[in-house]
Amino acid sequence: MGSGKKYAVLLCAEDSDYVKKKYGGYFGVFVGMLAEEGETWDLYRVVAGEFPGDGEIAGYDGFVITGSCSDAHGNDVWICKLLNFLKKLDSMKKKVLGICFGHQVLCRALGGKTGRANSGWDIGVRTVQLSPSTNLFASLKMPKFLSVIECHQDEVWELPPKAEVMAWSNKTGIEMFKCGDHMMGIQGHPEYTPDILLHLIDRLLQRNYIAESYANEMKAKLDACEPDREALKNLCVSFLKSRL
């Protein structure tokens, strides 16, 4: 489209060998979903302390915060730095899309609360219900329900002031939220393909984060439901690029 716009991915996790080899890392996964002709996309490994300089922020039209193995309610140095960075982006009314950990840490930066989900891990394809009062969905002619890949053990407990719940599920009370017209969080993974999730389940099992019986159960259920990747992609692109 030759827009000339500029975006940045704030990477909050170390890439696995599998994702690096097949997709060029999670940066490649997000660029594959969101990028269009004529745009510039940059990578900042915030998990390693890499952030845009103060003089660079104004040059970006939007930012994407990725998932992470870390807890959004933690106080690692890089997480605290990210919280301050997101507050700055909010004050500048920059477009920010947060995914999974990004959804949670964005909520925290804006004044909400996050923590461990009382119902435990949520892994697999989950049906989420979209709020009928969200104008964003009406303008995109979105269905009432969407299937999205999930992989998280934390969740948003309490929304920031003036934020709006956009979607929920029978497992998670806040699946999506937005704050103003410039900040949006999605608990699920619109960017994931089923093979990425299968690989992640194996990694979680190897690290003893989940039981083998649970891992096998989630793998068996994956074939039963297909995620609505195109609808989710359209939502993310339309929000990030102000096409609503």
C-alpha atoms as a PDB file:
ATOM      1  CA  MET A   1       0.000   0.000   0.000  1.00  0.00           C
ATOM      2  CA  GLY A   2       3.027   2.268   0.189  1.00  0.00           C
ATOM      3  CA  SER A   3       1.951   3.878   3.447  1.00  0.00           C
ATOM      4  CA  GLY A   4       5.471   4.682   4.638  1.00  0.00           C
ATOM      5  CA  LYS A   5       4.339   4.075   8.207  1.00  0.00           C
ATOM      6  CA  LYS A   6       6.641   2.733  10.881  1.00  0.00           C
ATOM      7  CA  TYR A   7       5.941   0.191  13.610  1.00  0.00           C
ATOM      8  CA  ALA A   8       7.907  -1.590  16.321  1.00  0.00           C
ATOM      9  CA  VAL A   9       7.602  -4.998  17.965  1.00  0.00           C
ATOM     10  CA  LEU A  10       8.540  -4.989  21.657  1.00  0.00           C
ATOM     11  CA  LEU A  11       9.784  -8.563  22.127  1.00  0.00           C
ATOM     12  CA  CYS A  12       9.212  -9.808  25.672  1.00  0.00           C
ATOM     13  CA  ALA A  13      10.421 -13.410  25.252  1.00  0.00           C
ATOM     14  CA  GLU A  14      13.467 -15.268  24.043  1.00  0.00           C
ATOM     15  CA  ASP A  15      12.849 -16.960  20.684  1.00  0.00           C
ATOM     16  CA  SER A  16      12.795 -20.750  20.638  1.00  0.00           C
ATOM     17  CA  ASP A  17      14.993 -22.531  18.094  1.00  0.00           C
ATOM     18  CA  TYR A  18      11.858 -23.845  16.381  1.00  0.00           C
ATOM     19  CA  VAL A  19      10.253 -20.421  15.895  1.00  0.00           C
ATOM     20  CA  LYS A  20      13.576 -18.893  14.829  1.00  0.00           C
ATOM     21  CA  LYS A  21      14.120 -21.586  12.207  1.00  0.00           C
ATOM     22  CA  LYS A  22      10.587 -21.661  10.783  1.00  0.00           C
ATOM     23  CA  TYR A  23       9.395 -18.066  11.188  1.00  0.00           C
ATOM     24  CA  GLY A  24      12.472 -15.936  11.807  1.00  0.00           C
ATOM     25  CA  GLY A  25      11.550 -15.597  15.491  1.00  0.00           C
ATOM     26  CA  TYR A  26       8.421 -14.098  17.019  1.00  0.00           C
ATOM     27  CA  PHE A  27       9.262 -10.842  15.252  1.00  0.00           C
ATOM     28  CA  GLY A  28       8.778 -12.735  11.995  1.00  0.00           C
ATOM     29  CA  VAL A  29       5.480 -14.180  13.253  1.00  0.00           C
ATOM     30  CA  PHE A  30       4.079 -10.732  14.057  1.00  0.00           C
ATOM     31  CA  VAL A  31       5.395  -9.109  10.897  1.00  0.00           C
ATOM     32  CA  GLY A  32       3.843 -11.963   8.911  1.00  0.00           C
ATOM     33  CA  MET A  33       0.445 -11.195  10.429  1.00  0.00           C
ATOM     34  CA  LEU A  34       0.499  -7.390  10.548  1.00  0.00           C
ATOM     35  CA  ALA A  35       2.914  -5.921   8.013  1.00  0.00           C
ATOM     36  CA  GLU A  36       1.830  -4.472   4.670  1.00  0.00           C
ATOM     37  CA  GLU A  37       3.718  -3.154   1.674  1.00  0.00           C
ATOM     38  CA  GLY A  38       5.555   0.122   2.195  1.00  0.00           C
ATOM     39  CA  GLU A  39       5.785  -0.159   5.984  1.00  0.00           C
ATOM     40  CA  THR A  40       8.897  -0.324   8.161  1.00  0.00           C
ATOM     41  CA  TRP A  41       8.942  -2.750  11.086  1.00  0.00           C
ATOM     42  CA  ASP A  42      11.656  -2.658  13.753  1.00  0.00           C
ATOM     43  CA  LEU A  43      12.462  -5.058  16.582  1.00  0.00           C
ATOM     44  CA  TYR A  44      13.328  -4.106  20.166  1.00  0.00           C
ATOM     45  CA  ARG A  45      14.233  -6.967  22.501  1.00  0.00           C
ATOM     46  CA  VAL A  46      12.852  -5.310  25.610  1.00  0.00           C
ATOM     47  CA  VAL A  47      13.372  -8.567  27.524  1.00  0.00           C
ATOM     48  CA  ALA A  48      17.114  -7.862  27.024  1.00  0.00           C
ATOM     49  CA  GLY A  49      16.785  -4.171  27.884  1.00  0.00           C
ATOM     50  CA  GLU A  50      16.500  -2.804  24.309  1.00  0.00           C
ATOM     51  CA  PHE A  51      14.051   0.107  24.054  1.00  0.00           C
ATOM     52  CA  PRO A  52      13.511   2.908  21.537  1.00  0.00           C
ATOM     53  CA  GLY A  53      15.249   6.117  22.565  1.00  0.00           C
ATOM     54  CA  ASP A  54      13.158   9.128  23.560  1.00  0.00           C
ATOM     55  CA  GLY A  55      13.959  10.789  20.250  1.00  0.00           C
ATOM     56  CA  GLU A  56      12.808   7.742  18.269  1.00  0.00           C
ATOM     57  CA  ILE A  57       9.336   7.240  19.754  1.00  0.00           C
ATOM     58  CA  ALA A  58       7.636  10.018  17.789  1.00  0.00           C
ATOM     59  CA  GLY A  59       8.698   8.387  14.515  1.00  0.00           C
ATOM     60  CA  TYR A  60       6.584   5.289  15.160  1.00  0.00           C
ATOM     61  CA  ASP A  61       2.916   4.964  14.246  1.00  0.00           C
ATOM     62  CA  GLY A  62       2.334   2.014  16.573  1.00  0.00           C
ATOM     63  CA  PHE A  63       3.825  -0.613  18.870  1.00  0.00           C
ATOM     64  CA  VAL A  64       3.090  -4.304  19.495  1.00  0.00           C
ATOM     65  CA  ILE A  65       3.910  -5.988  22.834  1.00  0.00           C
ATOM     66  CA  THR A  66       4.440  -9.755  22.564  1.00  0.00           C
ATOM     67  CA  GLY A  67       3.847 -12.672  24.879  1.00  0.00           C
ATOM     68  CA  SER A  68       6.444 -13.781  27.419  1.00  0.00           C
ATOM     69  CA  CYS A  69       7.454 -16.546  29.817  1.00  0.00           C
ATOM     70  CA  SER A  70       7.708 -13.867  32.522  1.00  0.00           C
ATOM     71  CA  ASP A  71       4.890 -12.650  34.772  1.00  0.00           C
ATOM     72  CA  ALA A  72       3.365  -9.261  33.962  1.00  0.00           C
ATOM     73  CA  HIS A  73       2.896  -8.737  37.717  1.00  0.00           C
ATOM     74  CA  GLY A  74       6.635  -9.293  38.299  1.00  0.00           C
ATOM     75  CA  ASN A  75       9.174  -6.581  39.051  1.00  0.00           C
ATOM     76  CA  ASP A  76      12.135  -7.564  36.876  1.00  0.00           C
ATOM     77  CA  VAL A  77      14.165  -4.524  35.837  1.00  0.00           C
ATOM     78  CA  TRP A  78      13.079  -4.785  32.199  1.00  0.00           C
ATOM     79  CA  ILE A  79       9.401  -5.151  33.162  1.00  0.00           C
ATOM     80  CA  CYS A  80       9.541  -2.016  35.327  1.00  0.00           C
ATOM     81  CA  LYS A  81      11.232  -0.181  32.456  1.00  0.00           C
ATOM     82  CA  LEU A  82       8.539  -1.447  30.077  1.00  0.00           C
ATOM     83  CA  LEU A  83       5.790  -0.205  32.407  1.00  0.00           C
ATOM     84  CA  ASN A  84       7.290   3.289  32.370  1.00  0.00           C
ATOM     85  CA  PHE A  85       7.736   3.139  28.601  1.00  0.00           C
ATOM     86  CA  LEU A  86       4.065   2.193  28.111  1.00  0.00           C
ATOM     87  CA  LYS A  87       2.954   5.057  30.350  1.00  0.00           C
ATOM     88  CA  LYS A  88       4.950   7.379  28.101  1.00  0.00           C
ATOM     89  CA  LEU A  89       3.300   5.920  24.982  1.00  0.00           C
ATOM     90  CA  ASP A  90      -0.099   6.409  26.609  1.00  0.00           C
ATOM     91  CA  SER A  91       0.645  10.072  27.329  1.00  0.00           C
ATOM     92  CA  MET A  92       1.649  10.484  23.659  1.00  0.00           C
ATOM     93  CA  LYS A  93      -1.540   8.674  22.517  1.00  0.00           C
ATOM     94  CA  LYS A  94       0.548   6.196  20.505  1.00  0.00           C
ATOM     95  CA  LYS A  95      -1.212   3.097  19.173  1.00  0.00           C
ATOM     96  CA  VAL A  96      -0.300   0.057  21.270  1.00  0.00           C
ATOM     97  CA  LEU A  97      -1.467  -3.537  20.788  1.00  0.00           C
ATOM     98  CA  GLY A  98      -0.674  -5.940  23.638  1.00  0.00           C
ATOM     99  CA  ILE A  99      -0.857  -9.731  23.179  1.00  0.00           C
ATOM    100  CA  CYS A 100      -1.035 -12.213  26.120  1.00  0.00           C
ATOM    101  CA  PHE A 101       1.743 -10.955  28.451  1.00  0.00           C
ATOM    102  CA  GLY A 102       1.505  -7.719  26.450  1.00  0.00           C
ATOM    103  CA  HIS A 103      -2.224  -7.513  27.238  1.00  0.00           C
ATOM    104  CA  GLN A 104      -1.502  -7.975  30.940  1.00  0.00           C
ATOM    105  CA  VAL A 105       1.479  -5.622  31.228  1.00  0.00           C
ATOM    106  CA  LEU A 106      -0.398  -2.936  29.265  1.00  0.00           C
ATOM    107  CA  CYS A 107      -3.270  -3.249  31.720  1.00  0.00           C
ATOM    108  CA  ARG A 108      -0.857  -2.899  34.638  1.00  0.00           C
ATOM    109  CA  ALA A 109       0.878   0.138  33.116  1.00  0.00           C
ATOM    110  CA  LEU A 110      -2.482   1.892  32.735  1.00  0.00           C
ATOM    111  CA  GLY A 111      -3.475   1.278  36.359  1.00  0.00           C
ATOM    112  CA  GLY A 112      -5.140  -2.145  36.293  1.00  0.00           C
ATOM    113  CA  LYS A 113      -4.256  -5.345  38.160  1.00  0.00           C
ATOM    114  CA  THR A 114      -2.987  -8.711  36.903  1.00  0.00           C
ATOM    115  CA  GLY A 115      -2.020 -12.016  38.496  1.00  0.00           C
ATOM    116  CA  ARG A 116      -2.309 -15.799  38.405  1.00  0.00           C
ATOM    117  CA  ALA A 117      -5.583 -17.100  37.007  1.00  0.00           C
ATOM    118  CA  ASN A 118      -7.588 -18.849  39.723  1.00  0.00           C
ATOM    119  CA  SER A 119      -8.728 -21.426  37.167  1.00  0.00           C
ATOM    120  CA  GLY A 120      -5.155 -22.394  36.189  1.00  0.00           C
ATOM    121  CA  TRP A 121      -3.575 -22.742  32.761  1.00  0.00           C
ATOM    122  CA  ASP A 122      -5.601 -22.036  29.636  1.00  0.00           C
ATOM    123  CA  ILE A 123      -4.046 -23.782  26.634  1.00  0.00           C
ATOM    124  CA  GLY A 124      -5.758 -24.524  23.343  1.00  0.00           C
ATOM    125  CA  VAL A 125      -8.454 -22.933  21.202  1.00  0.00           C
ATOM    126  CA  ARG A 126     -10.945 -20.967  23.288  1.00  0.00           C
ATOM    127  CA  THR A 127     -14.258 -19.440  22.202  1.00  0.00           C
ATOM    128  CA  VAL A 128     -14.545 -15.820  23.299  1.00  0.00           C
ATOM    129  CA  GLN A 129     -17.702 -13.718  23.286  1.00  0.00           C
ATOM    130  CA  LEU A 130     -17.416 -10.220  21.851  1.00  0.00           C
ATOM    131  CA  SER A 131     -19.155  -7.333  23.568  1.00  0.00           C
ATOM    132  CA  PRO A 132     -22.103  -6.075  21.476  1.00  0.00           C
ATOM    133  CA  SER A 133     -21.508  -2.548  22.795  1.00  0.00           C
ATOM    134  CA  THR A 134     -18.002  -2.265  21.309  1.00  0.00           C
ATOM    135  CA  ASN A 135     -18.177  -0.030  18.222  1.00  0.00           C
ATOM    136  CA  LEU A 136     -14.925  -1.513  16.955  1.00  0.00           C
ATOM    137  CA  PHE A 137     -16.604  -4.860  16.312  1.00  0.00           C
ATOM    138  CA  ALA A 138     -19.682  -3.347  14.690  1.00  0.00           C
ATOM    139  CA  SER A 139     -17.612  -1.378  12.190  1.00  0.00           C
ATOM    140  CA  LEU A 140     -15.702  -4.551  11.230  1.00  0.00           C
ATOM    141  CA  LYS A 141     -18.902  -6.644  11.098  1.00  0.00           C
ATOM    142  CA  MET A 142     -17.347  -9.141  13.513  1.00  0.00           C
ATOM    143  CA  PRO A 143     -19.329 -12.225  14.631  1.00  0.00           C
ATOM    144  CA  LYS A 144     -20.594 -12.576  18.209  1.00  0.00           C
ATOM    145  CA  PHE A 145     -18.051 -15.291  18.970  1.00  0.00           C
ATOM    146  CA  LEU A 146     -14.442 -15.904  17.916  1.00  0.00           C
ATOM    147  CA  SER A 147     -12.122 -18.869  18.423  1.00  0.00           C
ATOM    148  CA  VAL A 148      -8.612 -17.856  19.473  1.00  0.00           C
ATOM    149  CA  ILE A 149      -5.491 -19.787  20.474  1.00  0.00           C
ATOM    150  CA  GLU A 150      -4.680 -19.329  24.170  1.00  0.00           C
ATOM    151  CA  CYS A 151      -1.596 -20.168  26.213  1.00  0.00           C
ATOM    152  CA  HIS A 152      -1.432 -18.448  29.604  1.00  0.00           C
ATOM    153  CA  GLN A 153      -1.582 -19.000  33.346  1.00  0.00           C
ATOM    154  CA  ASP A 154      -1.959 -15.305  34.276  1.00  0.00           C
ATOM    155  CA  GLU A 155      -4.816 -12.942  33.512  1.00  0.00           C
ATOM    156  CA  VAL A 156      -6.144  -9.419  33.977  1.00  0.00           C
ATOM    157  CA  TRP A 157      -7.826  -9.181  37.362  1.00  0.00           C
ATOM    158  CA  GLU A 158      -8.991  -5.590  37.237  1.00  0.00           C
ATOM    159  CA  LEU A 159      -9.250  -3.157  34.348  1.00  0.00           C
ATOM    160  CA  PRO A 160      -7.527   0.236  34.320  1.00  0.00           C
ATOM    161  CA  PRO A 161      -9.771   3.274  34.959  1.00  0.00           C
ATOM    162  CA  LYS A 162     -11.920   4.155  31.919  1.00  0.00           C
ATOM    163  CA  ALA A 163     -10.993   0.927  30.126  1.00  0.00           C
ATOM    164  CA  GLU A 164     -13.655  -1.132  28.367  1.00  0.00           C
ATOM    165  CA  VAL A 165     -14.070  -4.924  28.333  1.00  0.00           C
ATOM    166  CA  MET A 166     -14.272  -5.994  24.699  1.00  0.00           C
ATOM    167  CA  ALA A 167     -14.520  -9.781  25.090  1.00  0.00           C
ATOM    168  CA  TRP A 168     -14.692 -12.541  27.688  1.00  0.00           C
ATOM    169  CA  SER A 169     -14.853 -16.343  27.865  1.00  0.00           C
ATOM    170  CA  ASN A 170     -16.032 -19.024  30.275  1.00  0.00           C
ATOM    171  CA  LYS A 171     -12.407 -19.297  31.452  1.00  0.00           C
ATOM    172  CA  THR A 172     -11.217 -15.673  31.503  1.00  0.00           C
ATOM    173  CA  GLY A 173     -13.309 -12.644  32.443  1.00  0.00           C
ATOM    174  CA  ILE A 174     -11.274 -10.131  30.411  1.00  0.00           C
ATOM    175  CA  GLU A 175     -10.171 -11.605  27.075  1.00  0.00           C
ATOM    176  CA  MET A 176      -9.855  -8.206  25.377  1.00  0.00           C
ATOM    177  CA  PHE A 177      -9.926  -4.606  26.509  1.00  0.00           C
ATOM    178  CA  LYS A 178      -9.293  -1.173  25.122  1.00  0.00           C
ATOM    179  CA  CYS A 179      -8.440   2.122  26.740  1.00  0.00           C
ATOM    180  CA  GLY A 180      -9.319   5.127  24.643  1.00  0.00           C
ATOM    181  CA  ASP A 181      -8.816   4.655  20.912  1.00  0.00           C
ATOM    182  CA  HIS A 182      -5.087   3.960  21.153  1.00  0.00           C
ATOM    183  CA  MET A 183      -4.557   1.060  23.590  1.00  0.00           C
ATOM    184  CA  MET A 184      -5.868  -2.482  23.123  1.00  0.00           C
ATOM    185  CA  GLY A 185      -5.054  -5.795  24.798  1.00  0.00           C
ATOM    186  CA  ILE A 186      -5.853  -9.332  23.661  1.00  0.00           C
ATOM    187  CA  GLN A 187      -5.284 -12.257  26.047  1.00  0.00           C
ATOM    188  CA  GLY A 188      -5.209 -14.868  23.286  1.00  0.00           C
ATOM    189  CA  HIS A 189      -2.682 -15.266  20.467  1.00  0.00           C
ATOM    190  CA  PRO A 190      -4.008 -14.070  17.083  1.00  0.00           C
ATOM    191  CA  GLU A 191      -0.467 -14.495  15.713  1.00  0.00           C
ATOM    192  CA  TYR A 192      -0.084 -18.169  16.640  1.00  0.00           C
ATOM    193  CA  THR A 193      -0.481 -21.046  14.217  1.00  0.00           C
ATOM    194  CA  PRO A 194      -1.460 -24.476  15.596  1.00  0.00           C
ATOM    195  CA  ASP A 195       2.101 -25.773  15.057  1.00  0.00           C
ATOM    196  CA  ILE A 196       3.536 -22.966  17.219  1.00  0.00           C
ATOM    197  CA  LEU A 197       1.139 -23.929  20.000  1.00  0.00           C
ATOM    198  CA  LEU A 198       2.008 -27.636  19.699  1.00  0.00           C
ATOM    199  CA  HIS A 199       5.685 -26.787  19.973  1.00  0.00           C
ATOM    200  CA  LEU A 200       4.990 -24.571  22.989  1.00  0.00           C
ATOM    201  CA  ILE A 201       3.033 -27.317  24.734  1.00  0.00           C
ATOM    202  CA  ASP A 202       6.065 -29.597  24.352  1.00  0.00           C
ATOM    203  CA  ARG A 203       8.347 -26.893  25.807  1.00  0.00           C
ATOM    204  CA  LEU A 204       6.049 -26.358  28.789  1.00  0.00           C
ATOM    205  CA  LEU A 205       5.955 -30.110  29.382  1.00  0.00           C
ATOM    206  CA  GLN A 206       9.748 -30.409  29.192  1.00  0.00           C
ATOM    207  CA  ARG A 207      10.091 -27.645  31.784  1.00  0.00           C
ATOM    208  CA  ASN A 208       7.518 -29.329  34.065  1.00  0.00           C
ATOM    209  CA  TYR A 209       5.151 -26.358  33.897  1.00  0.00           C
ATOM    210  CA  ILE A 210       2.266 -28.645  32.916  1.00  0.00           C
ATOM    211  CA  ALA A 211       1.473 -32.343  33.447  1.00  0.00           C
ATOM    212  CA  GLU A 212       1.839 -34.865  30.621  1.00  0.00           C
ATOM    213  CA  SER A 213      -1.832 -35.834  30.879  1.00  0.00           C
ATOM    214  CA  TYR A 214      -2.875 -32.186  30.432  1.00  0.00           C
ATOM    215  CA  ALA A 215      -0.469 -31.718  27.511  1.00  0.00           C
ATOM    216  CA  ASN A 216      -1.875 -34.791  25.732  1.00  0.00           C
ATOM    217  CA  GLU A 217      -5.437 -33.660  26.366  1.00  0.00           C
ATOM    218  CA  MET A 218      -4.770 -30.212  24.894  1.00  0.00           C
ATOM    219  CA  LYS A 219      -3.040 -31.659  21.834  1.00  0.00           C
ATOM    220  CA  ALA A 220      -5.975 -34.005  21.203  1.00  0.00           C
ATOM    221  CA  LYS A 221      -8.442 -31.098  21.361  1.00  0.00           C
ATOM    222  CA  LEU A 222      -6.519 -28.910  18.908  1.00  0.00           C
ATOM    223  CA  ASP A 223      -7.921 -30.662  15.842  1.00  0.00           C
ATOM    224  CA  ALA A 224     -11.498 -30.159  17.025  1.00  0.00           C
ATOM    225  CA  CYS A 225     -11.588 -26.367  16.666  1.00  0.00           C
ATOM    226  CA  GLU A 226      -9.995 -24.033  14.151  1.00  0.00           C
ATOM    227  CA  PRO A 227      -8.960 -20.531  15.323  1.00  0.00           C
ATOM    228  CA  ASP A 228     -10.531 -17.564  13.505  1.00  0.00           C
ATOM    229  CA  ARG A 229      -7.157 -16.236  12.390  1.00  0.00           C
ATOM    230  CA  GLU A 230      -8.350 -14.014   9.528  1.00  0.00           C
ATOM    231  CA  ALA A 231     -10.980 -12.239  11.626  1.00  0.00           C
ATOM    232  CA  LEU A 232      -8.462 -11.720  14.440  1.00  0.00           C
ATOM    233  CA  LYS A 233      -5.842 -10.474  12.002  1.00  0.00           C
ATOM    234  CA  ASN A 234      -8.355  -7.999  10.556  1.00  0.00           C
ATOM    235  CA  LEU A 235      -9.150  -6.755  14.058  1.00  0.00           C
ATOM    236  CA  CYS A 236      -5.479  -6.251  14.966  1.00  0.00           C
ATOM    237  CA  VAL A 237      -4.536  -4.588  11.674  1.00  0.00           C
ATOM    238  CA  SER A 238      -7.596  -2.325  11.665  1.00  0.00           C
ATOM    239  CA  PHE A 239      -6.958  -1.187  15.241  1.00  0.00           C
ATOM    240  CA  LEU A 240      -3.205  -0.668  14.879  1.00  0.00           C
ATOM    241  CA  LYS A 241      -3.559   1.235  11.613  1.00  0.00           C
ATOM    242  CA  SER A 242      -6.588   3.354  12.583  1.00  0.00           C
ATOM    243  CA  ARG A 243      -8.896   2.044   9.887  1.00  0.00           C
ATOM    244  CA  LEU A 244     -12.066   2.206  11.935  1.00  0.00           C
END
